[in-house]
C-alpha atoms as a PDB file:
ATOM      1  CA  MET A   1       1.801  33.395 -13.603  1.00  0.00           C
ATOM      2  CA  PRO A   2       5.449  32.545 -14.421  1.00  0.00           C
ATOM      3  CA  ILE A   3       6.156  29.187 -12.672  1.00  0.00           C
ATOM      4  CA  ILE A   4       9.482  27.313 -12.094  1.00  0.00           C
ATOM      5  CA  TYR A   5      10.045  23.547 -11.332  1.00  0.00           C
ATOM      6  CA  ARG A   6      12.387  22.420  -8.771  1.00  0.00           C
ATOM      7  CA  GLY A   7      13.591  19.598  -6.737  1.00  0.00           C
ATOM      8  CA  HIS A   8      13.149  18.969  -3.294  1.00  0.00           C
ATOM      9  CA  SER A   9      14.090  21.839  -0.748  1.00  0.00           C
ATOM     10  CA  ALA A  10      13.665  22.791   2.586  1.00  0.00           C
ATOM     11  CA  GLY A  11       9.787  22.936   4.034  1.00  0.00           C
ATOM     12  CA  ASP A  12       8.481  20.953   1.706  1.00  0.00           C
ATOM     13  CA  ALA A  13       7.170  18.396   4.148  1.00  0.00           C
ATOM     14  CA  VAL A  14       4.948  20.788   5.344  1.00  0.00           C
ATOM     15  CA  ARG A  15       4.193  22.692   2.572  1.00  0.00           C
ATOM     16  CA  LEU A  16       3.328  19.540   0.127  1.00  0.00           C
ATOM     17  CA  ALA A  17       1.407  17.939   2.899  1.00  0.00           C
ATOM     18  CA  ASP A  18      -0.655  20.997   3.405  1.00  0.00           C
ATOM     19  CA  LEU A  19      -1.430  20.964  -0.778  1.00  0.00           C
ATOM     20  CA  THR A  20      -2.729  17.440  -0.633  1.00  0.00           C
ATOM     21  CA  ALA A  21      -5.614  18.718   1.671  1.00  0.00           C
ATOM     22  CA  VAL A  22      -6.917  21.169  -0.816  1.00  0.00           C
ATOM     23  CA  ALA A  23      -5.890  19.457  -4.418  1.00  0.00           C
ATOM     24  CA  MET A  24      -6.814  15.681  -3.302  1.00  0.00           C
ATOM     25  CA  PRO A  25      -8.823  15.427  -0.078  1.00  0.00           C
ATOM     26  CA  ARG A  26      -9.849  12.020  -0.320  1.00  0.00           C
ATOM     27  CA  ASP A  27      -6.382  11.406   0.149  1.00  0.00           C
ATOM     28  CA  ALA A  28      -4.741  14.110   1.781  1.00  0.00           C
ATOM     29  CA  ILE A  29      -1.703  13.530   3.881  1.00  0.00           C
ATOM     30  CA  SER A  30      -0.072  14.216   7.043  1.00  0.00           C
ATOM     31  CA  ALA A  31       4.015  16.381   7.095  1.00  0.00           C
ATOM     32  CA  ASP A  32       4.795  12.910   9.214  1.00  0.00           C
ATOM     33  CA  TRP A  33       3.390  10.907   6.484  1.00  0.00           C
ATOM     34  CA  PHE A  34       5.025  12.597   3.661  1.00  0.00           C
ATOM     35  CA  THR A  35       8.570  12.401   5.515  1.00  0.00           C
ATOM     36  CA  GLN A  36       7.798   8.480   6.515  1.00  0.00           C
ATOM     37  CA  THR A  37       6.761   7.594   3.041  1.00  0.00           C
ATOM     38  CA  VAL A  38       8.902  10.157   0.775  1.00  0.00           C
ATOM     39  CA  LEU A  39      12.010  11.836   2.681  1.00  0.00           C
ATOM     40  CA  LEU A  40      12.648   8.607   4.612  1.00  0.00           C
ATOM     41  CA  ASP A  41      12.193   5.877   1.415  1.00  0.00           C
ATOM     42  CA  PRO A  42      15.424   4.225   1.006  1.00  0.00           C
ATOM     43  CA  ASN A  43      15.224   4.944  -2.781  1.00  0.00           C
ATOM     44  CA  PHE A  44      14.395   8.814  -2.242  1.00  0.00           C
ATOM     45  CA  ASP A  45      16.476  11.197  -4.609  1.00  0.00           C
ATOM     46  CA  PRO A  46      15.434  15.127  -4.262  1.00  0.00           C
ATOM     47  CA  ASP A  47      15.237  14.897  -8.076  1.00  0.00           C
ATOM     48  CA  GLY A  48      12.787  12.943  -8.047  1.00  0.00           C
ATOM     49  CA  LEU A  49      10.634  15.071  -5.874  1.00  0.00           C
ATOM     50  CA  ILE A  50       9.136  17.597  -8.394  1.00  0.00           C
ATOM     51  CA  VAL A  51       7.656  20.834  -7.633  1.00  0.00           C
ATOM     52  CA  ALA A  52       5.997  23.367  -9.179  1.00  0.00           C
ATOM     53  CA  ALA A  53       5.902  26.690  -7.747  1.00  0.00           C
ATOM     54  CA  ASP A  54       4.889  30.281  -8.387  1.00  0.00           C
ATOM     55  CA  ALA A  55       8.084  32.181  -9.431  1.00  0.00           C
ATOM     56  CA  ASP A  56       7.194  35.299  -7.486  1.00  0.00           C
ATOM     57  CA  THR A  57       5.690  33.917  -4.077  1.00  0.00           C
ATOM     58  CA  GLY A  58       7.357  30.405  -4.056  1.00  0.00           C
ATOM     59  CA  ASP A  59       3.914  29.177  -3.283  1.00  0.00           C
ATOM     60  CA  ALA A  60       3.600  25.262  -4.275  1.00  0.00           C
ATOM     61  CA  LEU A  61       1.251  24.491  -6.998  1.00  0.00           C
ATOM     62  CA  GLY A  62       1.523  21.206  -7.498  1.00  0.00           C
ATOM     63  CA  PHE A  63       3.955  18.313  -7.103  1.00  0.00           C
ATOM     64  CA  VAL A  64       5.030  14.870  -8.329  1.00  0.00           C
ATOM     65  CA  TYR A  65       7.123  12.221  -6.366  1.00  0.00           C
ATOM     66  CA  ALA A  66       9.028   9.765  -8.858  1.00  0.00           C
ATOM     67  CA  VAL A  67      11.229   7.046  -7.712  1.00  0.00           C
ATOM     68  CA  ARG A  68      13.544   4.657  -9.444  1.00  0.00           C
ATOM     69  CA  ALA A  69      13.919   0.932  -8.234  1.00  0.00           C
ATOM     70  CA  GLY A  70      16.547   0.166  -6.100  1.00  0.00           C
ATOM     71  CA  ARG A  71      17.177  -1.086  -2.605  1.00  0.00           C
ATOM     72  CA  GLY A  72      14.317  -3.342  -1.228  1.00  0.00           C
ATOM     73  CA  ILE A  73      12.330  -3.488  -4.152  1.00  0.00           C
ATOM     74  CA  GLY A  74      12.309  -7.418  -5.085  1.00  0.00           C
ATOM     75  CA  PRO A  75      11.154  -7.796  -8.876  1.00  0.00           C
ATOM     76  CA  ASP A  76      10.753  -5.429 -11.140  1.00  0.00           C
ATOM     77  CA  PRO A  77      14.211  -3.911 -11.172  1.00  0.00           C
ATOM     78  CA  ASP A  78      13.451  -2.067 -14.136  1.00  0.00           C
ATOM     79  CA  GLY A  79      10.860  -0.145 -13.030  1.00  0.00           C
ATOM     80  CA  GLY A  80       9.995   3.270 -11.834  1.00  0.00           C
ATOM     81  CA  TRP A  81       7.136   4.840  -9.729  1.00  0.00           C
ATOM     82  CA  ILE A  82       5.003   7.831  -9.329  1.00  0.00           C
ATOM     83  CA  THR A  83       3.821   7.462  -5.791  1.00  0.00           C
ATOM     84  CA  ILE A  84       1.518  10.600  -5.678  1.00  0.00           C
ATOM     85  CA  GLY A  85       1.176  13.938  -7.073  1.00  0.00           C
ATOM     86  CA  CYS A  86      -1.259  16.670  -7.189  1.00  0.00           C
ATOM     87  CA  VAL A  87      -2.140  20.128  -8.374  1.00  0.00           C
ATOM     88  CA  HIS A  88      -3.705  23.194  -6.439  1.00  0.00           C
ATOM     89  CA  PRO A  89      -7.572  23.485  -7.857  1.00  0.00           C
ATOM     90  CA  ASP A  90      -6.660  27.106  -9.165  1.00  0.00           C
ATOM     91  CA  ALA A  91      -4.054  26.455 -10.871  1.00  0.00           C
ATOM     92  CA  ARG A  92      -5.070  23.536 -12.992  1.00  0.00           C
ATOM     93  CA  ARG A  93      -5.820  23.514 -16.953  1.00  0.00           C
ATOM     94  CA  GLN A  94      -2.226  25.454 -17.087  1.00  0.00           C
ATOM     95  CA  GLY A  95      -0.274  22.674 -18.342  1.00  0.00           C
ATOM     96  CA  ILE A  96       1.038  22.026 -14.868  1.00  0.00           C
ATOM     97  CA  GLY A  97      -0.053  18.679 -14.392  1.00  0.00           C
ATOM     98  CA  THR A  98       1.310  17.648 -17.805  1.00  0.00           C
ATOM     99  CA  GLU A  99       4.963  19.302 -17.451  1.00  0.00           C
ATOM    100  CA  LEU A 100       5.082  17.366 -13.902  1.00  0.00           C
ATOM    101  CA  LEU A 101       4.317  13.995 -15.547  1.00  0.00           C
ATOM    102  CA  ARG A 102       7.110  15.012 -18.432  1.00  0.00           C
ATOM    103  CA  ARG A 103       9.409  15.744 -15.636  1.00  0.00           C
ATOM    104  CA  ALA A 104       8.810  12.922 -13.751  1.00  0.00           C
ATOM    105  CA  ARG A 105       9.114  10.460 -16.639  1.00  0.00           C
ATOM    106  CA  SER A 106      12.497  12.388 -18.070  1.00  0.00           C
ATOM    107  CA  PHE A 107      13.913  11.734 -14.296  1.00  0.00           C
ATOM    108  CA  LEU A 108      13.369   8.088 -14.346  1.00  0.00           C
ATOM    109  CA  ALA A 109      14.560   7.397 -17.461  1.00  0.00           C
ATOM    110  CA  ALA A 110      17.355   9.066 -17.318  1.00  0.00           C
ATOM    111  CA  LYS A 111      17.813   6.981 -14.370  1.00  0.00           C
ATOM    112  CA  GLY A 112      17.385   3.593 -16.548  1.00  0.00           C
ATOM    113  CA  ALA A 113      13.826   2.842 -15.616  1.00  0.00           C
ATOM    114  CA  ALA A 114      12.151   1.075 -18.729  1.00  0.00           C
ATOM    115  CA  TRP A 115       8.541   2.003 -17.661  1.00  0.00           C
ATOM    116  CA  VAL A 116       6.179   4.088 -14.687  1.00  0.00           C
ATOM    117  CA  ASN A 117       3.411   2.820 -12.645  1.00  0.00           C
ATOM    118  CA  TYR A 118       1.062   4.851 -10.974  1.00  0.00           C
ATOM    119  CA  ALA A 119       1.384   3.974  -8.384  1.00  0.00           C
ATOM    120  CA  ALA A 120       1.759   0.282  -6.218  1.00  0.00           C
ATOM    121  CA  TYR A 121       5.079   1.172  -5.198  1.00  0.00           C
ATOM    122  CA  PRO A 122       6.253  -1.890  -3.279  1.00  0.00           C
ATOM    123  CA  LEU A 123       8.104  -0.020  -0.707  1.00  0.00           C
ATOM    124  CA  ALA A 124       6.007   2.972   0.206  1.00  0.00           C
ATOM    125  CA  TYR A 125       2.532   3.942  -1.699  1.00  0.00           C
ATOM    126  CA  PHE A 126       0.036   6.463  -0.088  1.00  0.00           C
ATOM    127  CA  VAL A 127      -2.662   4.745  -2.058  1.00  0.00           C
ATOM    128  CA  PRO A 128      -2.188   1.731  -4.694  1.00  0.00           C
ATOM    129  CA  GLY A 129      -3.351   3.593  -7.721  1.00  0.00           C
ATOM    130  CA  LEU A 130      -5.916   5.962  -9.150  1.00  0.00           C
ATOM    131  CA  ASP A 131      -9.355   6.675  -7.855  1.00  0.00           C
ATOM    132  CA  VAL A 132     -10.828   7.494 -10.800  1.00  0.00           C
ATOM    133  CA  ALA A 133     -14.341   8.181  -9.469  1.00  0.00           C
ATOM    134  CA  ALA A 134     -12.920  10.425  -7.166  1.00  0.00           C
ATOM    135  CA  TYR A 135     -10.356  12.104  -9.526  1.00  0.00           C
ATOM    136  CA  PRO A 136     -11.866  12.028 -13.098  1.00  0.00           C
ATOM    137  CA  ASP A 137      -9.459  15.051 -14.355  1.00  0.00           C
ATOM    138  CA  ALA A 138      -6.523  13.175 -12.864  1.00  0.00           C
ATOM    139  CA  ALA A 139      -7.574  10.013 -14.956  1.00  0.00           C
ATOM    140  CA  ARG A 140      -7.958  12.338 -17.934  1.00  0.00           C
ATOM    141  CA  LEU A 141      -4.463  13.685 -17.785  1.00  0.00           C
ATOM    142  CA  PHE A 142      -2.803   9.923 -17.094  1.00  0.00           C
ATOM    143  CA  GLU A 143      -4.453   8.798 -20.291  1.00  0.00           C
ATOM    144  CA  ARG A 144      -3.475  12.052 -22.399  1.00  0.00           C
ATOM    145  CA  ASN A 145       0.041  11.097 -21.201  1.00  0.00           C
ATOM    146  CA  GLY A 146      -0.117   7.612 -22.447  1.00  0.00           C
ATOM    147  CA  PHE A 147      -0.813   5.513 -19.399  1.00  0.00           C
ATOM    148  CA  GLN A 148      -2.605   2.473 -19.462  1.00  0.00           C
ATOM    149  CA  ARG A 149      -4.756   0.578 -16.902  1.00  0.00           C
ATOM    150  CA  LEU A 150      -2.811  -2.802 -15.444  1.00  0.00           C
ATOM    151  CA  TYR A 151      -5.524  -3.618 -13.198  1.00  0.00           C
ATOM    152  CA  THR A 152      -7.981  -2.391 -10.631  1.00  0.00           C
ATOM    153  CA  ALA A 153      -7.184  -2.949  -6.806  1.00  0.00           C
ATOM    154  CA  ALA A 154     -10.287  -2.709  -4.266  1.00  0.00           C
ATOM    155  CA  ALA A 155      -9.961  -1.523  -0.857  1.00  0.00           C
ATOM    156  CA  MET A 156     -12.324  -3.416   1.597  1.00  0.00           C
ATOM    157  CA  SER A 157     -13.386  -2.820   5.262  1.00  0.00           C
ATOM    158  CA  ILE A 158     -15.682  -4.572   7.829  1.00  0.00           C
ATOM    159  CA  ASP A 159     -17.458  -3.527  10.620  1.00  0.00           C
ATOM    160  CA  LEU A 160     -16.312  -4.913  13.933  1.00  0.00           C
ATOM    161  CA  ALA A 161     -18.681  -3.437  16.486  1.00  0.00           C
ATOM    162  CA  ASP A 162     -20.799  -6.595  16.547  1.00  0.00           C
ATOM    163  CA  TYR A 163     -18.304  -8.942  15.303  1.00  0.00           C
ATOM    164  CA  ALA A 164     -18.221 -12.493  16.261  1.00  0.00           C
ATOM    165  CA  MET A 165     -16.573 -15.429  15.116  1.00  0.00           C
ATOM    166  CA  PRO A 166     -19.044 -17.688  12.783  1.00  0.00           C
ATOM    167  CA  ASP A 167     -19.852 -21.123  14.286  1.00  0.00           C
ATOM    168  CA  ALA A 168     -18.531 -22.514  11.362  1.00  0.00           C
ATOM    169  CA  VAL A 169     -15.190 -21.248  11.584  1.00  0.00           C
ATOM    170  CA  ARG A 170     -14.931 -22.098  15.314  1.00  0.00           C
ATOM    171  CA  GLU A 171     -16.077 -25.652  13.815  1.00  0.00           C
ATOM    172  CA  LEU A 172     -13.483 -25.401  11.011  1.00  0.00           C
ATOM    173  CA  ARG A 173     -10.804 -24.335  13.082  1.00  0.00           C
ATOM    174  CA  ALA A 174     -11.349 -27.257  16.069  1.00  0.00           C
ATOM    175  CA  THR A 175     -11.155 -29.787  13.167  1.00  0.00           C
ATOM    176  CA  ARG A 176      -7.706 -28.423  11.687  1.00  0.00           C
ATOM    177  CA  ILE A 177      -6.084 -28.138  15.206  1.00  0.00           C
ATOM    178  CA  ALA A 178      -7.129 -32.199  15.497  1.00  0.00           C
ATOM    179  CA  GLU A 179      -5.188 -32.549  12.368  1.00  0.00           C
ATOM    180  CA  GLY A 180      -2.408 -31.144  13.813  1.00  0.00           C
ATOM    181  CA  TYR A 181      -2.492 -27.640  12.560  1.00  0.00           C
ATOM    182  CA  THR A 182      -1.221 -25.079  15.013  1.00  0.00           C
ATOM    183  CA  PHE A 183      -2.684 -21.169  14.930  1.00  0.00           C
ATOM    184  CA  GLY A 184      -0.946 -18.674  17.710  1.00  0.00           C
ATOM    185  CA  THR A 185       0.602 -15.513  18.244  1.00  0.00           C
ATOM    186  CA  ALA A 186       4.152 -15.259  17.096  1.00  0.00           C
ATOM    187  CA  ALA A 187       7.168 -15.436  19.608  1.00  0.00           C
ATOM    188  CA  PRO A 188      10.328 -13.766  19.044  1.00  0.00           C
ATOM    189  CA  ASP A 189      11.878 -17.118  17.918  1.00  0.00           C
ATOM    190  CA  ASP A 190       9.155 -16.969  15.164  1.00  0.00           C
ATOM    191  CA  LEU A 191      10.082 -13.655  13.491  1.00  0.00           C
ATOM    192  CA  PRO A 192      12.676 -14.853  11.315  1.00  0.00           C
ATOM    193  CA  GLU A 193      10.729 -17.678   9.847  1.00  0.00           C
ATOM    194  CA  THR A 194       7.602 -15.334   9.302  1.00  0.00           C
ATOM    195  CA  LEU A 195       9.716 -12.843   7.581  1.00  0.00           C
ATOM    196  CA  THR A 196      11.378 -15.249   5.184  1.00  0.00           C
ATOM    197  CA  PHE A 197       8.132 -17.174   4.635  1.00  0.00           C
ATOM    198  CA  ALA A 198       6.086 -13.701   3.737  1.00  0.00           C
ATOM    199  CA  SER A 199       8.933 -12.361   1.508  1.00  0.00           C
ATOM    200  CA  GLN A 200       9.958 -15.722  -0.299  1.00  0.00           C
ATOM    201  CA  ARG A 201       6.286 -17.176  -0.579  1.00  0.00           C
ATOM    202  CA  LEU A 202       3.758 -14.541  -0.673  1.00  0.00           C
ATOM    203  CA  ALA A 203       5.281 -11.184  -1.758  1.00  0.00           C
ATOM    204  CA  PRO A 204       8.454  -9.508  -1.388  1.00  0.00           C
ATOM    205  CA  ASP A 205       7.683  -6.844   0.221  1.00  0.00           C
ATOM    206  CA  TRP A 206       5.431  -8.226   2.914  1.00  0.00           C
ATOM    207  CA  GLY A 207       8.462  -9.505   5.095  1.00  0.00           C
ATOM    208  CA  GLU A 208       9.763  -5.865   5.377  1.00  0.00           C
ATOM    209  CA  ALA A 209       6.474  -4.824   6.072  1.00  0.00           C
ATOM    210  CA  VAL A 210       6.570  -7.109   9.288  1.00  0.00           C
ATOM    211  CA  ARG A 211      10.111  -6.313  10.127  1.00  0.00           C
ATOM    212  CA  ASP A 212       9.447  -2.516  10.249  1.00  0.00           C
ATOM    213  CA  SER A 213       6.252  -2.955  12.232  1.00  0.00           C
ATOM    214  CA  VAL A 214       7.788  -4.923  14.947  1.00  0.00           C
ATOM    215  CA  LEU A 215      10.601  -2.768  15.289  1.00  0.00           C
ATOM    216  CA  GLN A 216       8.735   0.584  14.936  1.00  0.00           C
ATOM    217  CA  HIS A 217       5.588  -0.416  17.467  1.00  0.00           C
ATOM    218  CA  GLY A 218       7.350  -3.487  19.006  1.00  0.00           C
ATOM    219  CA  ARG A 219       3.862  -5.592  18.693  1.00  0.00           C
ATOM    220  CA  ILE A 220       4.938  -8.839  17.969  1.00  0.00           C
ATOM    221  CA  ASP A 221       1.311 -10.022  19.413  1.00  0.00           C
ATOM    222  CA  ARG A 222      -0.062  -8.435  16.393  1.00  0.00           C
ATOM    223  CA  VAL A 223       1.600 -11.185  14.347  1.00  0.00           C
ATOM    224  CA  LEU A 224      -0.724 -14.308  13.938  1.00  0.00           C
ATOM    225  CA  THR A 225       0.747 -17.516  12.153  1.00  0.00           C
ATOM    226  CA  ALA A 226      -0.534 -21.226  11.138  1.00  0.00           C
ATOM    227  CA  ARG A 227       1.524 -23.876  11.029  1.00  0.00           C
ATOM    228  CA  HIS A 228       1.322 -27.557   9.693  1.00  0.00           C
ATOM    229  CA  PRO A 229       1.518 -30.661  11.670  1.00  0.00           C
ATOM    230  CA  ASP A 230       4.883 -31.164  10.666  1.00  0.00           C
ATOM    231  CA  GLY A 231       5.811 -27.492  11.991  1.00  0.00           C
ATOM    232  CA  HIS A 232       6.673 -25.198   9.341  1.00  0.00           C
ATOM    233  CA  MET A 233       4.821 -22.361   8.948  1.00  0.00           C
ATOM    234  CA  VAL A 234       2.151 -22.281   6.436  1.00  0.00           C
ATOM    235  CA  GLY A 235       0.426 -19.008   7.006  1.00  0.00           C
ATOM    236  CA  PHE A 236       0.569 -15.411   8.554  1.00  0.00           C
ATOM    237  CA  ALA A 237      -1.472 -12.461   9.350  1.00  0.00           C
ATOM    238  CA  THR A 238      -1.076  -8.684  10.989  1.00  0.00           C
ATOM    239  CA  TYR A 239      -2.386  -5.759  11.660  1.00  0.00           C
ATOM    240  CA  GLY A 240      -1.405  -2.324  12.659  1.00  0.00           C
ATOM    241  CA  ALA A 241       1.780  -2.862  10.538  1.00  0.00           C
ATOM    242  CA  TYR A 242       1.367   0.357   8.429  1.00  0.00           C
ATOM    243  CA  ARG A 243       1.977   3.343  10.521  1.00  0.00           C
ATOM    244  CA  GLY A 244       0.710   1.836  13.462  1.00  0.00           C
ATOM    245  CA  LEU A 245      -3.097   2.210  12.473  1.00  0.00           C
ATOM    246  CA  ARG A 246      -4.829  -0.707  14.677  1.00  0.00           C
ATOM    247  CA  GLU A 247      -7.762  -0.759  12.276  1.00  0.00           C
ATOM    248  CA  ARG A 248      -5.562  -1.753   8.915  1.00  0.00           C
ATOM    249  CA  PHE A 249      -5.610  -4.965   8.161  1.00  0.00           C
ATOM    250  CA  GLY A 250      -2.918  -7.262   6.264  1.00  0.00           C
ATOM    251  CA  PRO A 251      -0.731  -8.487   4.997  1.00  0.00           C
ATOM    252  CA  TYR A 252      -1.723 -11.927   5.458  1.00  0.00           C
ATOM    253  CA  GLY A 253      -1.422 -14.815   3.248  1.00  0.00           C
ATOM    254  CA  VAL A 254      -1.768 -18.470   3.416  1.00  0.00           C
ATOM    255  CA  ASP A 255       0.817 -20.694   1.284  1.00  0.00           C
ATOM    256  CA  GLU A 256      -0.348 -21.545  -2.258  1.00  0.00           C
ATOM    257  CA  SER A 257       0.145 -25.454  -1.385  1.00  0.00           C
ATOM    258  CA  CYS A 258      -2.431 -24.826   1.596  1.00  0.00           C
ATOM    259  CA  ARG A 259      -5.170 -23.178   0.079  1.00  0.00           C
ATOM    260  CA  GLY A 260      -8.515 -24.434  -0.213  1.00  0.00           C
ATOM    261  CA  THR A 261      -8.229 -26.026   3.583  1.00  0.00           C
ATOM    262  CA  GLY A 262      -9.317 -23.300   4.948  1.00  0.00           C
ATOM    263  CA  LEU A 263      -6.613 -22.460   6.937  1.00  0.00           C
ATOM    264  CA  GLY A 264      -7.050 -18.785   5.178  1.00  0.00           C
ATOM    265  CA  LYS A 265     -10.550 -18.360   6.784  1.00  0.00           C
ATOM    266  CA  VAL A 266      -9.387 -19.568  10.111  1.00  0.00           C
ATOM    267  CA  LEU A 267      -6.391 -17.208  10.115  1.00  0.00           C
ATOM    268  CA  LEU A 268      -8.604 -14.118   8.511  1.00  0.00           C
ATOM    269  CA  HIS A 269     -11.388 -14.725  11.578  1.00  0.00           C
ATOM    270  CA  ASP A 270      -8.573 -14.995  14.156  1.00  0.00           C
ATOM    271  CA  THR A 271      -7.295 -12.091  13.454  1.00  0.00           C
ATOM    272  CA  LEU A 272     -10.409 -10.334  13.220  1.00  0.00           C
ATOM    273  CA  ALA A 273     -11.217 -11.240  16.667  1.00  0.00           C
ATOM    274  CA  ARG A 274      -7.811 -10.303  18.170  1.00  0.00           C
ATOM    275  CA  MET A 275      -8.536  -6.844  16.503  1.00  0.00           C
ATOM    276  CA  ARG A 276     -11.764  -6.763  17.780  1.00  0.00           C
ATOM    277  CA  ALA A 277     -10.777  -7.778  21.308  1.00  0.00           C
ATOM    278  CA  GLU A 278      -8.164  -4.929  21.150  1.00  0.00           C
ATOM    279  CA  GLY A 279     -11.093  -2.479  20.647  1.00  0.00           C
ATOM    280  CA  ALA A 280     -10.862  -1.982  16.778  1.00  0.00           C
ATOM    281  CA  GLN A 281     -14.114  -0.949  15.509  1.00  0.00           C
ATOM    282  CA  SER A 282     -13.739  -1.709  11.819  1.00  0.00           C
ATOM    283  CA  ALA A 283     -10.654  -3.668  10.016  1.00  0.00           C
ATOM    284  CA  TRP A 284      -9.639  -2.207   6.384  1.00  0.00           C
ATOM    285  CA  PHE A 285      -6.921  -2.678   3.654  1.00  0.00           C
ATOM    286  CA  LEU A 286      -6.177  -0.655   0.369  1.00  0.00           C
ATOM    287  CA  TRP A 287      -5.439  -3.391  -2.040  1.00  0.00           C
ATOM    288  CA  THR A 288      -6.792  -7.076  -3.236  1.00  0.00           C
ATOM    289  CA  GLY A 289      -8.142  -8.159  -6.411  1.00  0.00           C
ATOM    290  CA  GLU A 290     -11.559  -7.954  -6.058  1.00  0.00           C
ATOM    291  CA  ASN A 291     -12.503 -11.431  -8.259  1.00  0.00           C
ATOM    292  CA  SER A 292      -9.235 -13.085  -7.058  1.00  0.00           C
ATOM    293  CA  PRO A 293      -9.699 -15.981  -4.370  1.00  0.00           C
ATOM    294  CA  ALA A 294      -8.756 -13.749  -1.589  1.00  0.00           C
ATOM    295  CA  GLY A 295     -11.368 -11.137  -2.879  1.00  0.00           C
ATOM    296  CA  HIS A 296     -13.969 -13.671  -2.545  1.00  0.00           C
ATOM    297  CA  LEU A 297     -12.934 -14.967   0.957  1.00  0.00           C
ATOM    298  CA  TYR A 298     -13.026 -11.189   1.974  1.00  0.00           C
ATOM    299  CA  LEU A 299     -16.487 -10.505   0.289  1.00  0.00           C
ATOM    300  CA  ARG A 300     -17.926 -14.003   1.751  1.00  0.00           C
ATOM    301  CA  SER A 301     -16.268 -13.045   5.467  1.00  0.00           C
ATOM    302  CA  GLY A 302     -18.441  -9.766   5.429  1.00  0.00           C
ATOM    303  CA  PHE A 303     -16.137  -7.226   4.208  1.00  0.00           C
ATOM    304  CA  HIS A 304     -17.000  -4.809   1.547  1.00  0.00           C
ATOM    305  CA  VAL A 305     -15.676  -2.605  -1.481  1.00  0.00           C
ATOM    306  CA  THR A 306     -14.788   0.763  -0.234  1.00  0.00           C
ATOM    307  CA  ARG A 307     -12.858   2.241  -3.134  1.00  0.00           C
ATOM    308  CA  ARG A 308     -11.168   1.240  -6.564  1.00  0.00           C
ATOM    309  CA  PHE A 309      -8.059   2.043  -7.502  1.00  0.00           C
ATOM    310  CA  ASP A 310      -6.578   1.453 -11.322  1.00  0.00           C
ATOM    311  CA  VAL A 311      -2.870   0.675 -11.210  1.00  0.00           C
ATOM    312  CA  LEU A 312      -1.741   2.212 -14.156  1.00  0.00           C
ATOM    313  CA  ARG A 313       1.522   2.316 -16.168  1.00  0.00           C
ATOM    314  CA  ALA A 314       3.322   4.196 -19.395  1.00  0.00           C
ATOM    315  CA  ASP A 315       6.264   2.987 -21.203  1.00  0.00           C
ATOM    316  CA  LEU A 316       9.529   5.430 -21.131  1.00  0.00           C
ATOM    317  CA  ASP A 317      11.153   6.699 -24.027  1.00  0.00           C
ATOM    318  CA  HIS A 318      14.859   6.538 -23.755  1.00  0.00           C
END
């Protein structure tokens, strides 16, 4: 079968989304999601969307999306990312995956990137990394091509059908309020401080996640805050921020100076209670360190691990 490799062209959103349903069924995407996360990525370069196609029929056999750091990234200015890629099961073991990776790495190196991660792209990722249990062939492909595991991200969820805030959390909440801490829903005038706090004190892309969520969905009531007795913000949480999915929890965090006070636990359960009151049957997220303080808090609060994703990295040869 003669194969050609090309950049983005008209019709790719639909044809490549359809390909994911066959090639990566646990992580199949829609054309709308592809459009939002790839085509509307502020760093999108049509040459970074590399498609392997049947030269005779034009059918897409595989693809990979590579993106160079640029606008909106924050740290890691030397980086490049591969956020998604797959090969049709009937076209595997013909070198297509290897060639797609080679071309993606060459594209990123030519743009000045020193390394490439799969995936963990702060602005727009589909999953944090590679689910080795679901895609062992892909794991071997990345390993053959020099990728090594940086760390493992754990996806977690909790059933909210019978959720009720634990009495111990209610008591802790009352104690902190008596000390002068406040918990509540963000008002419009709280948003600038929330965005600054999220991006400067927690993670560079979290402020943008909150901004985009409110702009796209208008749900300021889904942003919760915690404030110190002196009035400054020390924590925030939100849900429905990504693609408007009500049951997707986060981003969420508490300032490092206040950790160990139980504010994170209160804010977590305030958010779960709000989600349940809105009719959510579960709460889930894609990324935490399973053995981190946050990971332990989630597990103690009733979350369980649903999947694990290896974040991979390879150096680029210039």
